[in-house]
C-alpha atoms as a PDB file:
ATOM      1  CA  MET A   1     109.757 111.893  79.880  1.00  0.00           C
ATOM      2  CA  TYR A   2     106.705 109.005  80.489  1.00  0.00           C
ATOM      3  CA  ILE A   3     103.954 108.975  82.892  1.00  0.00           C
ATOM      4  CA  HIS A   4     102.020 106.413  82.602  1.00  0.00           C
ATOM      5  CA  SER A   5      98.851 107.105  85.461  1.00  0.00           C
ATOM      6  CA  THR A   6      95.738 104.663  85.660  1.00  0.00           C
ATOM      7  CA  ILE A   7      94.592 107.695  87.451  1.00  0.00           C
ATOM      8  CA  THR A   8      92.509 110.248  85.285  1.00  0.00           C
ATOM      9  CA  GLU A   9      91.983 114.153  85.026  1.00  0.00           C
ATOM     10  CA  THR A  10      88.215 114.832  86.107  1.00  0.00           C
ATOM     11  CA  PRO A  11      87.519 118.418  83.768  1.00  0.00           C
ATOM     12  CA  GLY A  12      85.285 120.906  85.258  1.00  0.00           C
ATOM     13  CA  VAL A  13      83.711 120.245  88.746  1.00  0.00           C
ATOM     14  CA  PRO A  14      81.793 117.038  89.258  1.00  0.00           C
ATOM     15  CA  LYS A  15      79.000 116.833  91.625  1.00  0.00           C
ATOM     16  CA  ALA A  16      80.076 115.974  95.577  1.00  0.00           C
ATOM     17  CA  GLU A  17      78.262 112.061  95.002  1.00  0.00           C
ATOM     18  CA  GLU A  18      80.671 112.231  91.950  1.00  0.00           C
ATOM     19  CA  MET A  19      83.382 113.694  93.447  1.00  0.00           C
ATOM     20  CA  ILE A  20      83.742 110.676  96.796  1.00  0.00           C
ATOM     21  CA  ARG A  21      82.961 108.091  93.956  1.00  0.00           C
ATOM     22  CA  LEU A  22      85.983 109.421  92.130  1.00  0.00           C
ATOM     23  CA  LEU A  23      87.505 109.811  95.385  1.00  0.00           C
ATOM     24  CA  VAL A  24      86.453 106.109  96.112  1.00  0.00           C
ATOM     25  CA  GLU A  25      87.981 104.640  92.093  1.00  0.00           C
ATOM     26  CA  GLY A  26      91.322 106.463  93.076  1.00  0.00           C
ATOM     27  CA  GLN A  27      92.085 105.312  96.723  1.00  0.00           C
ATOM     28  CA  GLU A  28      90.993 102.341  95.087  1.00  0.00           C
ATOM     29  CA  ALA A  29      93.780 101.982  91.849  1.00  0.00           C
ATOM     30  CA  VAL A  30      96.189 102.673  94.745  1.00  0.00           C
ATOM     31  CA  VAL A  31      95.511  99.908  96.266  1.00  0.00           C
ATOM     32  CA  SER A  32      95.128  97.865  93.943  1.00  0.00           C
ATOM     33  CA  THR A  33      99.039  99.389  92.107  1.00  0.00           C
ATOM     34  CA  ALA A  34     100.832  97.927  95.533  1.00  0.00           C
ATOM     35  CA  ARG A  35      99.077  95.159  96.034  1.00  0.00           C
ATOM     36  CA  SER A  36     100.609  93.905  92.356  1.00  0.00           C
ATOM     37  CA  VAL A  37     103.932  95.330  93.856  1.00  0.00           C
ATOM     38  CA  PHE A  38     103.917  93.889  96.666  1.00  0.00           C
ATOM     39  CA  PRO A  39     104.817  90.194  95.908  1.00  0.00           C
ATOM     40  CA  SER A  40     108.474  91.771  93.450  1.00  0.00           C
ATOM     41  CA  ALA A  41     109.909  93.924  96.982  1.00  0.00           C
ATOM     42  CA  ASP A  42     109.009  90.099  98.810  1.00  0.00           C
ATOM     43  CA  ARG A  43     110.435  87.993  96.564  1.00  0.00           C
ATOM     44  CA  VAL A  44     113.695  90.342  96.966  1.00  0.00           C
ATOM     45  CA  ASN A  45     113.835  89.906 100.655  1.00  0.00           C
ATOM     46  CA  ASP A  46     113.411  94.630 100.536  1.00  0.00           C
ATOM     47  CA  GLU A  47     110.571  94.382 103.945  1.00  0.00           C
ATOM     48  CA  ALA A  48     111.927  98.493 103.123  1.00  0.00           C
ATOM     49  CA  THR A  49     109.461  99.145 100.226  1.00  0.00           C
ATOM     50  CA  ALA A  50     106.773  95.923 101.926  1.00  0.00           C
ATOM     51  CA  ASP A  51     106.676  97.955 104.779  1.00  0.00           C
ATOM     52  CA  LEU A  52     105.926 100.754 102.161  1.00  0.00           C
ATOM     53  CA  LEU A  53     103.835  98.842 100.502  1.00  0.00           C
ATOM     54  CA  THR A  54     101.681  97.222 103.336  1.00  0.00           C
ATOM     55  CA  GLN A  55     101.352 100.911 104.964  1.00  0.00           C
ATOM     56  CA  ARG A  56     100.152 102.440 102.110  1.00  0.00           C
ATOM     57  CA  MET A  57      97.272 100.336 101.250  1.00  0.00           C
ATOM     58  CA  GLN A  58      95.962 100.403 104.767  1.00  0.00           C
ATOM     59  CA  VAL A  59      95.956 103.643 104.744  1.00  0.00           C
ATOM     60  CA  HIS A  60      94.138 103.613 101.289  1.00  0.00           C
ATOM     61  CA  GLU A  61      91.993 100.968 102.383  1.00  0.00           C
ATOM     62  CA  ASP A  62      91.217 102.571 105.371  1.00  0.00           C
ATOM     63  CA  CYS A  63      89.668 106.123 102.990  1.00  0.00           C
ATOM     64  CA  VAL A  64      87.876 103.618 100.500  1.00  0.00           C
ATOM     65  CA  ASP A  65      85.850 102.289 103.946  1.00  0.00           C
ATOM     66  CA  ALA A  66      85.219 105.060 105.771  1.00  0.00           C
ATOM     67  CA  GLN A  67      83.845 106.820 102.011  1.00  0.00           C
ATOM     68  CA  LYS A  68      82.827 103.973 101.099  1.00  0.00           C
ATOM     69  CA  SER A  69      80.274 103.785 104.732  1.00  0.00           C
ATOM     70  CA  PHE A  70      79.500 108.098 104.750  1.00  0.00           C
ATOM     71  CA  GLY A  71      79.838 108.927 101.649  1.00  0.00           C
ATOM     72  CA  ARG A  72      81.331 112.648 102.828  1.00  0.00           C
ATOM     73  CA  VAL A  73      84.147 111.644 105.813  1.00  0.00           C
ATOM     74  CA  LYS A  74      87.185 113.774 107.054  1.00  0.00           C
ATOM     75  CA  VAL A  75      89.412 111.469 108.217  1.00  0.00           C
ATOM     76  CA  SER A  76      92.183 113.494 109.777  1.00  0.00           C
ATOM     77  CA  ARG A  77      94.565 109.907 108.716  1.00  0.00           C
ATOM     78  CA  CYS A  78      93.657 109.920 105.162  1.00  0.00           C
ATOM     79  CA  GLU A  79      94.292 113.223 105.160  1.00  0.00           C
ATOM     80  CA  ASP A  80      97.851 113.309 106.629  1.00  0.00           C
ATOM     81  CA  ASP A  81      99.235 110.238 104.737  1.00  0.00           C
ATOM     82  CA  ALA A  82      97.814 110.782 101.549  1.00  0.00           C
END
């Protein structure tokens, strides 16, 4: 089985500020991946996939904004949909 991820697991338990930084990096990686796949869905007129990618990008971008703005923040949309 081949598994590929740009997000690596962090050993141990990082401090709170490091956790936030890692969360932001992970959210940004998801947005970047979705954005890179979007042109393929668009090229073959796969509207369902394009819609899903658009929704995922929006959720993860919202989470990044919240995490960057407040450091630690509880955003139900991020927790429920991610």
